[in-house]
Amino acid sequence: MTAIFTGLRASELRGLPWSNVDLKNGRIHVRQRADRYNKIGKPKSEAGDRTVPVPPIVLNTLREWRLVCPKGALDLVFPNGRGNVMRLDYIIEWAFKPVQVKAGVVDADGKAKYTGMHALRHFYASWCINRKVDGGQELPLKIVQSRLGHSTIAMTADTYGHLFPDTNDGNELAVAELALIRRNTDAT
């Protein structure tokens, strides 16, 4: 739920401490991550240090999870059973892939369609970008950039630009043309 509705990178989720989850105000502060060696460190870039809004369904899920979450010195939101950093390969093989199979998100062989957590980040970006009439949030590119923690707006545009609605300017240009012609005709 958190990955789907926040767009956090897998490394950011794996390194997320409870102290950076604001359940009262509905925000997650991304201040650290767990690298591929399970070491806690700074976010991927300066822009990666950010605050992301969290929808109520995720807040409720996190409140429930906190009651049973394994405790550890790092106070992680998504730790392994001993409270330490969870390995990414474990998350993918024992959680992400089985959930997909159960939900019917499979390839022709009946195996999980997506092999990496980044697919959830792409979903989040799509949800932020898509029009409201299509179930999205229809957010401006700059806000999407900020939420994803991209260092440049160009990175966001290059990666997700194809998702922004392609408007047909033909009708709008025709209306503007008629208005312009009427104004010029009325003036003469």
C-alpha atoms as a PDB file:
ATOM      1  CA  MET A   1       0.000   0.000   0.000  1.00  0.00           C
ATOM      2  CA  THR A   2       2.748   2.446   0.944  1.00  0.00           C
ATOM      3  CA  ALA A   3       4.745   1.774  -2.210  1.00  0.00           C
ATOM      4  CA  ILE A   4       1.672   2.107  -4.418  1.00  0.00           C
ATOM      5  CA  PHE A   5       0.368   5.372  -2.962  1.00  0.00           C
ATOM      6  CA  THR A   6       3.586   7.253  -2.169  1.00  0.00           C
ATOM      7  CA  GLY A   7       5.885   6.418  -5.063  1.00  0.00           C
ATOM      8  CA  LEU A   8       8.828   5.869  -2.723  1.00  0.00           C
ATOM      9  CA  ARG A   9      11.773   3.942  -4.108  1.00  0.00           C
ATOM     10  CA  ALA A  10      12.330   0.448  -2.690  1.00  0.00           C
ATOM     11  CA  SER A  11      15.507   1.704  -0.995  1.00  0.00           C
ATOM     12  CA  GLU A  12      13.541   4.535   0.639  1.00  0.00           C
ATOM     13  CA  LEU A  13      10.869   2.151   1.913  1.00  0.00           C
ATOM     14  CA  ARG A  14      13.480  -0.257   3.256  1.00  0.00           C
ATOM     15  CA  GLY A  15      15.253   2.552   5.126  1.00  0.00           C
ATOM     16  CA  LEU A  16      12.143   4.365   6.378  1.00  0.00           C
ATOM     17  CA  PRO A  17      12.079   4.868  10.172  1.00  0.00           C
ATOM     18  CA  TRP A  18       8.856   5.430  12.095  1.00  0.00           C
ATOM     19  CA  SER A  19      10.166   8.843  13.170  1.00  0.00           C
ATOM     20  CA  ASN A  20       9.790   9.989   9.547  1.00  0.00           C
ATOM     21  CA  VAL A  21       6.149   8.894   9.302  1.00  0.00           C
ATOM     22  CA  ASP A  22       3.751  11.628  10.378  1.00  0.00           C
ATOM     23  CA  LEU A  23       0.540   9.687  10.973  1.00  0.00           C
ATOM     24  CA  LYS A  24      -1.215  12.739  12.391  1.00  0.00           C
ATOM     25  CA  ASN A  25      -0.651  15.025   9.398  1.00  0.00           C
ATOM     26  CA  GLY A  26      -0.509  12.346   6.707  1.00  0.00           C
ATOM     27  CA  ARG A  27       3.051  12.726   5.474  1.00  0.00           C
ATOM     28  CA  ILE A  28       6.205  10.708   5.036  1.00  0.00           C
ATOM     29  CA  HIS A  29       9.514  12.520   5.280  1.00  0.00           C
ATOM     30  CA  VAL A  30      12.148  10.841   3.128  1.00  0.00           C
ATOM     31  CA  ARG A  31      15.465  11.503   4.861  1.00  0.00           C
ATOM     32  CA  GLN A  32      17.332   8.225   4.421  1.00  0.00           C
ATOM     33  CA  ARG A  33      17.395   4.978   2.480  1.00  0.00           C
ATOM     34  CA  ALA A  34      18.841   1.484   2.702  1.00  0.00           C
ATOM     35  CA  ASP A  35      21.313   0.796  -0.109  1.00  0.00           C
ATOM     36  CA  ARG A  36      21.795  -2.532  -1.899  1.00  0.00           C
ATOM     37  CA  TYR A  37      24.115  -3.627   0.906  1.00  0.00           C
ATOM     38  CA  ASN A  38      21.385  -2.848   3.483  1.00  0.00           C
ATOM     39  CA  LYS A  39      23.329   0.103   4.854  1.00  0.00           C
ATOM     40  CA  ILE A  40      21.384   3.178   5.923  1.00  0.00           C
ATOM     41  CA  GLY A  41      22.447   6.395   4.213  1.00  0.00           C
ATOM     42  CA  LYS A  42      21.250   9.582   2.600  1.00  0.00           C
ATOM     43  CA  PRO A  43      18.667   9.616  -0.206  1.00  0.00           C
ATOM     44  CA  LYS A  44      19.768   9.023  -3.783  1.00  0.00           C
ATOM     45  CA  SER A  45      20.035  12.759  -4.503  1.00  0.00           C
ATOM     46  CA  GLU A  46      19.440  16.103  -2.803  1.00  0.00           C
ATOM     47  CA  ALA A  47      15.957  16.126  -4.360  1.00  0.00           C
ATOM     48  CA  GLY A  48      15.349  12.700  -2.813  1.00  0.00           C
ATOM     49  CA  ASP A  49      15.137  14.393   0.591  1.00  0.00           C
ATOM     50  CA  ARG A  50      11.452  15.322   0.499  1.00  0.00           C
ATOM     51  CA  THR A  51       8.023  15.110   2.075  1.00  0.00           C
ATOM     52  CA  VAL A  52       5.293  13.056   0.415  1.00  0.00           C
ATOM     53  CA  PRO A  53       1.575  13.181   1.254  1.00  0.00           C
ATOM     54  CA  VAL A  54      -0.028   9.920   2.334  1.00  0.00           C
ATOM     55  CA  PRO A  55      -3.677   9.045   1.603  1.00  0.00           C
ATOM     56  CA  PRO A  56      -5.953   7.969   4.493  1.00  0.00           C
ATOM     57  CA  ILE A  57      -6.085   4.298   3.453  1.00  0.00           C
ATOM     58  CA  VAL A  58      -2.296   4.090   3.752  1.00  0.00           C
ATOM     59  CA  LEU A  59      -2.292   5.944   7.071  1.00  0.00           C
ATOM     60  CA  ASN A  60      -4.810   3.483   8.492  1.00  0.00           C
ATOM     61  CA  THR A  61      -2.793   0.538   7.185  1.00  0.00           C
ATOM     62  CA  LEU A  62       0.393   1.967   8.721  1.00  0.00           C
ATOM     63  CA  ARG A  63      -1.344   2.545  12.080  1.00  0.00           C
ATOM     64  CA  GLU A  64      -2.403  -1.108  12.153  1.00  0.00           C
ATOM     65  CA  TRP A  65       1.029  -2.304  10.996  1.00  0.00           C
ATOM     66  CA  ARG A  66       2.802  -0.307  13.696  1.00  0.00           C
ATOM     67  CA  LEU A  67       1.056  -2.369  16.379  1.00  0.00           C
ATOM     68  CA  VAL A  68       2.586  -5.624  15.117  1.00  0.00           C
ATOM     69  CA  CYS A  69       5.728  -4.385  13.341  1.00  0.00           C
ATOM     70  CA  PRO A  70       8.943  -6.108  14.508  1.00  0.00           C
ATOM     71  CA  LYS A  71      10.974  -3.741  16.678  1.00  0.00           C
ATOM     72  CA  GLY A  72      14.657  -3.041  16.220  1.00  0.00           C
ATOM     73  CA  ALA A  73      17.369  -0.502  16.960  1.00  0.00           C
ATOM     74  CA  LEU A  74      16.746   1.209  13.581  1.00  0.00           C
ATOM     75  CA  ASP A  75      12.994   1.572  14.317  1.00  0.00           C
ATOM     76  CA  LEU A  76      12.183   0.734  10.683  1.00  0.00           C
ATOM     77  CA  VAL A  77       8.670   0.719   9.276  1.00  0.00           C
ATOM     78  CA  PHE A  78       9.365  -2.325   7.074  1.00  0.00           C
ATOM     79  CA  PRO A  79      12.042  -4.387   8.840  1.00  0.00           C
ATOM     80  CA  ASN A  80      12.813  -8.060   8.687  1.00  0.00           C
ATOM     81  CA  GLY A  81      11.706 -10.283  11.575  1.00  0.00           C
ATOM     82  CA  ARG A  82      14.646  -9.146  13.722  1.00  0.00           C
ATOM     83  CA  GLY A  83      13.967  -5.451  13.177  1.00  0.00           C
ATOM     84  CA  ASN A  84      16.820  -4.966  10.706  1.00  0.00           C
ATOM     85  CA  VAL A  85      16.810  -3.818   7.078  1.00  0.00           C
ATOM     86  CA  MET A  86      14.775  -6.168   4.905  1.00  0.00           C
ATOM     87  CA  ARG A  87      16.597  -7.500   1.846  1.00  0.00           C
ATOM     88  CA  LEU A  88      15.101  -6.355  -1.453  1.00  0.00           C
ATOM     89  CA  ASP A  89      15.264  -9.809  -3.040  1.00  0.00           C
ATOM     90  CA  TYR A  90      13.272 -11.196  -0.113  1.00  0.00           C
ATOM     91  CA  ILE A  91      10.564  -8.530  -0.526  1.00  0.00           C
ATOM     92  CA  ILE A  92      10.274  -9.287  -4.237  1.00  0.00           C
ATOM     93  CA  GLU A  93      10.281 -13.100  -3.994  1.00  0.00           C
ATOM     94  CA  TRP A  94       8.202 -13.563  -0.838  1.00  0.00           C
ATOM     95  CA  ALA A  95       5.832 -10.590  -0.961  1.00  0.00           C
ATOM     96  CA  PHE A  96       5.668  -8.710  -4.260  1.00  0.00           C
ATOM     97  CA  LYS A  97       5.520 -11.651  -6.673  1.00  0.00           C
ATOM     98  CA  PRO A  98       3.017 -13.728  -4.642  1.00  0.00           C
ATOM     99  CA  VAL A  99       0.684 -10.733  -4.282  1.00  0.00           C
ATOM    100  CA  GLN A 100       0.706 -10.258  -8.045  1.00  0.00           C
ATOM    101  CA  VAL A 101      -0.069 -13.913  -8.687  1.00  0.00           C
ATOM    102  CA  LYS A 102      -2.915 -13.823  -6.161  1.00  0.00           C
ATOM    103  CA  ALA A 103      -4.309 -10.682  -7.856  1.00  0.00           C
ATOM    104  CA  GLY A 104      -4.009 -12.238 -11.320  1.00  0.00           C
ATOM    105  CA  VAL A 105      -1.294  -9.850 -12.500  1.00  0.00           C
ATOM    106  CA  VAL A 106       0.607 -12.555 -14.362  1.00  0.00           C
ATOM    107  CA  ASP A 107       2.348 -13.220 -17.651  1.00  0.00           C
ATOM    108  CA  ALA A 108       1.406 -15.942 -20.163  1.00  0.00           C
ATOM    109  CA  ASP A 109       3.134 -18.567 -17.992  1.00  0.00           C
ATOM    110  CA  GLY A 110       1.163 -17.631 -14.881  1.00  0.00           C
ATOM    111  CA  LYS A 111       4.171 -16.005 -13.211  1.00  0.00           C
ATOM    112  CA  ALA A 112       4.214 -12.546 -11.647  1.00  0.00           C
ATOM    113  CA  LYS A 113       4.185  -9.951 -14.418  1.00  0.00           C
ATOM    114  CA  TYR A 114       6.518  -7.485 -12.683  1.00  0.00           C
ATOM    115  CA  THR A 115       9.889  -8.510 -11.297  1.00  0.00           C
ATOM    116  CA  GLY A 116      10.829  -5.297  -9.522  1.00  0.00           C
ATOM    117  CA  MET A 117       9.327  -2.850  -7.067  1.00  0.00           C
ATOM    118  CA  HIS A 118       9.918   0.005  -9.492  1.00  0.00           C
ATOM    119  CA  ALA A 119       6.671  -0.988 -11.220  1.00  0.00           C
ATOM    120  CA  LEU A 120       4.796   0.382  -8.191  1.00  0.00           C
ATOM    121  CA  ARG A 121       6.672   3.668  -8.467  1.00  0.00           C
ATOM    122  CA  HIS A 122       5.637   3.870 -12.127  1.00  0.00           C
ATOM    123  CA  PHE A 123       2.040   3.212 -11.117  1.00  0.00           C
ATOM    124  CA  TYR A 124       2.201   6.067  -8.620  1.00  0.00           C
ATOM    125  CA  ALA A 125       3.647   8.427 -11.220  1.00  0.00           C
ATOM    126  CA  SER A 126       0.888   7.438 -13.651  1.00  0.00           C
ATOM    127  CA  TRP A 127      -1.762   8.005 -10.982  1.00  0.00           C
ATOM    128  CA  CYS A 128      -0.359  11.456 -10.208  1.00  0.00           C
ATOM    129  CA  ILE A 129      -0.236  12.424 -13.894  1.00  0.00           C
ATOM    130  CA  ASN A 130      -3.430  10.926 -15.318  1.00  0.00           C
ATOM    131  CA  ARG A 131      -6.526  13.084 -15.695  1.00  0.00           C
ATOM    132  CA  LYS A 132      -9.113  13.093 -12.916  1.00  0.00           C
ATOM    133  CA  VAL A 133     -11.764  11.774 -15.319  1.00  0.00           C
ATOM    134  CA  ASP A 134      -9.491   8.744 -15.807  1.00  0.00           C
ATOM    135  CA  GLY A 135      -9.037   8.158 -12.056  1.00  0.00           C
ATOM    136  CA  GLY A 136      -5.797  10.114 -11.718  1.00  0.00           C
ATOM    137  CA  GLN A 137      -4.840  13.191  -9.747  1.00  0.00           C
ATOM    138  CA  GLU A 138      -3.953  15.376 -12.749  1.00  0.00           C
ATOM    139  CA  LEU A 139      -1.013  17.003 -10.968  1.00  0.00           C
ATOM    140  CA  PRO A 140       1.369  19.480 -12.610  1.00  0.00           C
ATOM    141  CA  LEU A 141       4.718  18.098 -13.725  1.00  0.00           C
ATOM    142  CA  LYS A 142       6.634  20.093 -11.080  1.00  0.00           C
ATOM    143  CA  ILE A 143       4.631  18.510  -8.250  1.00  0.00           C
ATOM    144  CA  VAL A 144       5.137  15.031  -9.713  1.00  0.00           C
ATOM    145  CA  GLN A 145       8.875  15.733  -9.889  1.00  0.00           C
ATOM    146  CA  SER A 146       8.928  16.778  -6.244  1.00  0.00           C
ATOM    147  CA  ARG A 147       6.926  13.791  -5.022  1.00  0.00           C
ATOM    148  CA  LEU A 148       9.125  11.347  -6.903  1.00  0.00           C
ATOM    149  CA  GLY A 149      12.311  13.008  -5.711  1.00  0.00           C
ATOM    150  CA  HIS A 150      13.725  13.533  -9.190  1.00  0.00           C
ATOM    151  CA  SER A 151      16.642  15.937  -9.352  1.00  0.00           C
ATOM    152  CA  THR A 152      15.328  17.665 -12.497  1.00  0.00           C
ATOM    153  CA  ILE A 153      11.964  18.260 -14.095  1.00  0.00           C
ATOM    154  CA  ALA A 154      13.513  16.994 -17.341  1.00  0.00           C
ATOM    155  CA  MET A 155      14.051  13.579 -15.735  1.00  0.00           C
ATOM    156  CA  THR A 156      10.367  13.419 -14.812  1.00  0.00           C
ATOM    157  CA  ALA A 157       9.268  14.658 -18.238  1.00  0.00           C
ATOM    158  CA  ASP A 158      11.577  12.264 -20.098  1.00  0.00           C
ATOM    159  CA  THR A 159      10.429   9.282 -18.045  1.00  0.00           C
ATOM    160  CA  TYR A 160       6.719  10.023 -17.741  1.00  0.00           C
ATOM    161  CA  GLY A 161       5.980  12.677 -20.368  1.00  0.00           C
ATOM    162  CA  HIS A 162       4.091  10.190 -22.519  1.00  0.00           C
ATOM    163  CA  LEU A 163       1.485   9.895 -19.754  1.00  0.00           C
ATOM    164  CA  PHE A 164       0.420  13.520 -19.819  1.00  0.00           C
ATOM    165  CA  PRO A 165      -2.806  14.027 -21.776  1.00  0.00           C
ATOM    166  CA  ASP A 166      -2.278  14.774 -25.441  1.00  0.00           C
ATOM    167  CA  THR A 167      -4.765  17.497 -26.193  1.00  0.00           C
ATOM    168  CA  ASN A 168      -6.133  18.077 -29.645  1.00  0.00           C
ATOM    169  CA  ASP A 169      -5.614  21.802 -30.142  1.00  0.00           C
ATOM    170  CA  GLY A 170      -7.565  21.784 -33.401  1.00  0.00           C
ATOM    171  CA  ASN A 171     -10.930  22.618 -31.835  1.00  0.00           C
ATOM    172  CA  GLU A 172      -9.448  25.279 -29.569  1.00  0.00           C
ATOM    173  CA  LEU A 173      -7.587  26.860 -32.487  1.00  0.00           C
ATOM    174  CA  ALA A 174     -10.766  26.906 -34.587  1.00  0.00           C
ATOM    175  CA  VAL A 175     -12.668  28.724 -31.813  1.00  0.00           C
ATOM    176  CA  ALA A 176      -9.827  31.228 -31.397  1.00  0.00           C
ATOM    177  CA  GLU A 177      -9.655  31.736 -35.168  1.00  0.00           C
ATOM    178  CA  LEU A 178     -13.393  32.495 -35.353  1.00  0.00           C
ATOM    179  CA  ALA A 179     -13.149  34.925 -32.458  1.00  0.00           C
ATOM    180  CA  LEU A 180     -10.205  36.677 -34.103  1.00  0.00           C
ATOM    181  CA  ILE A 181     -11.936  36.895 -37.488  1.00  0.00           C
ATOM    182  CA  ARG A 182     -15.134  38.257 -35.868  1.00  0.00           C
ATOM    183  CA  ARG A 183     -13.153  40.923 -34.023  1.00  0.00           C
ATOM    184  CA  ASN A 184     -11.339  41.993 -37.177  1.00  0.00           C
ATOM    185  CA  THR A 185     -14.567  41.940 -39.238  1.00  0.00           C
ATOM    186  CA  ASP A 186     -16.399  44.014 -36.623  1.00  0.00           C
ATOM    187  CA  ALA A 187     -13.587  46.570 -36.580  1.00  0.00           C
ATOM    188  CA  THR A 188     -13.726  47.180 -40.343  1.00  0.00           C
END
